[in-house]
Amino acid sequence: MDFPIEALHVAEHRLAAGDTLILYTDGLTEARRHRVLFDVDGVKATLNALHGAPPPDIANGLVAAALQHADAPVSDDIAIVVVRVADRLKPLPG
């Protein structure tokens, strides 16, 4: 890490109905073509294009955009978690 562990702190944020939380590893932002990173700007642009899409489409769209940007196999793993808060509680099937 480029910063001391003491610089980290715990934060709390409550998500509301309809909010989406997206977590991803640095393999996504570090996808590169000729030393140009996909970076946070690539993530933001992709998320803007995918606004309102279902969580699986968001995750798949981010990976596809990073791979398209890299135009080659990426050198780091990419992990993405997309969580959307339901508008209302629905009973689980079964």
Protein backbone atom coordinates (compact mmCIF):
# COMPACT_ATOMS: atom_id res chain seq x y z
CA MET A 1 0.00 0.00 0.00
CA ASP A 2 1.12 3.54 -0.70
CA PHE A 3 -0.37 4.89 2.53
CA PRO A 4 -0.13 3.95 6.20
CA ILE A 5 -2.82 1.72 7.69
CA GLU A 6 -3.47 4.50 10.22
CA ALA A 7 -4.82 6.62 7.36
CA LEU A 8 -7.77 4.25 6.98
CA HIS A 9 -10.96 4.75 8.94
CA VAL A 10 -14.34 3.10 9.25
CA ALA A 11 -17.23 4.95 7.69
CA GLU A 12 -20.92 4.22 7.86
CA HIS A 13 -23.40 4.98 5.12
CA ARG A 14 -27.00 3.83 5.02
CA LEU A 15 -28.31 2.72 1.67
CA ALA A 16 -31.88 3.56 0.74
CA ALA A 17 -34.35 1.57 -1.34
CA GLY A 18 -33.18 1.48 -4.94
CA ASP A 19 -29.54 2.38 -4.13
CA THR A 20 -26.78 0.34 -5.75
CA LEU A 21 -23.41 -0.41 -4.15
CA ILE A 22 -20.57 -1.46 -6.46
CA LEU A 23 -17.30 -2.85 -5.12
CA TYR A 24 -14.41 -3.77 -7.41
CA THR A 25 -10.76 -4.68 -7.23
CA ASP A 26 -7.94 -2.69 -8.77
CA GLY A 27 -7.72 -5.16 -11.64
CA LEU A 28 -10.68 -3.31 -13.17
CA THR A 29 -9.18 0.18 -13.06
CA GLU A 30 -5.69 -1.07 -13.97
CA ALA A 31 -6.76 -2.66 -17.26
CA ARG A 32 -4.52 -0.84 -19.70
CA ARG A 33 -3.76 -0.30 -23.36
CA HIS A 34 -0.35 1.13 -24.17
CA ARG A 35 0.09 2.30 -20.56
CA VAL A 36 -3.30 4.07 -20.54
CA LEU A 37 -5.39 2.81 -17.64
CA PHE A 38 -9.13 2.13 -17.78
CA ASP A 39 -9.05 3.98 -14.43
CA VAL A 40 -11.91 5.44 -12.41
CA ASP A 41 -12.93 7.56 -15.40
CA GLY A 42 -13.59 4.40 -17.40
CA VAL A 43 -15.63 2.98 -14.53
CA LYS A 44 -17.68 6.19 -14.25
CA ALA A 45 -18.32 6.38 -18.00
CA THR A 46 -19.40 2.74 -18.07
CA LEU A 47 -21.69 3.17 -15.07
CA ASN A 48 -23.28 6.23 -16.67
CA ALA A 49 -23.99 4.17 -19.79
CA LEU A 50 -25.43 1.33 -17.66
CA HIS A 51 -27.58 3.56 -15.42
CA GLY A 52 -30.61 1.59 -14.20
CA ALA A 53 -29.35 -1.77 -15.50
CA PRO A 54 -29.78 -4.89 -13.36
CA PRO A 55 -26.80 -5.79 -11.12
CA PRO A 56 -25.57 -8.71 -13.30
CA ASP A 57 -25.58 -6.44 -16.36
CA ILE A 58 -23.60 -3.80 -14.45
CA ALA A 59 -20.92 -6.31 -13.40
CA ASN A 60 -20.69 -7.86 -16.87
CA GLY A 61 -20.70 -4.43 -18.53
CA LEU A 62 -17.81 -3.20 -16.39
CA VAL A 63 -15.72 -6.27 -17.21
CA ALA A 64 -16.55 -6.02 -20.91
CA ALA A 65 -15.64 -2.31 -21.01
CA ALA A 66 -12.32 -2.90 -19.23
CA LEU A 67 -11.44 -5.78 -21.56
CA GLN A 68 -12.41 -3.72 -24.60
CA HIS A 69 -10.24 -0.88 -23.34
CA ALA A 70 -7.28 -3.22 -22.76
CA ASP A 71 -7.72 -4.89 -26.16
CA ALA A 72 -5.64 -7.75 -24.71
CA PRO A 73 -5.75 -10.09 -21.72
CA VAL A 74 -5.56 -8.19 -18.45
CA SER A 75 -2.63 -8.88 -16.15
CA ASP A 76 -4.55 -8.69 -12.86
CA ASP A 77 -7.70 -10.40 -11.64
CA ILE A 78 -10.98 -8.49 -11.68
CA ALA A 79 -13.62 -9.01 -9.01
CA ILE A 80 -16.88 -7.06 -8.88
CA VAL A 81 -19.76 -7.15 -6.41
CA VAL A 82 -22.97 -5.29 -7.24
CA VAL A 83 -25.66 -5.00 -4.57
CA ARG A 84 -28.96 -3.23 -5.07
CA VAL A 85 -31.28 -2.47 -2.16
CA ALA A 86 -34.76 -3.72 -2.94
CA ASP A 87 -37.59 -1.20 -3.09
CA ARG A 88 -39.53 -3.43 -0.72
CA LEU A 89 -39.06 -6.75 0.96
CA LYS A 90 -40.08 -9.76 -1.07
CA PRO A 91 -40.43 -13.24 0.40
CA LEU A 92 -37.68 -15.68 -0.53
CA PRO A 93 -38.77 -18.50 -2.86
CA GLY A 94 -39.31 -21.93 -1.35
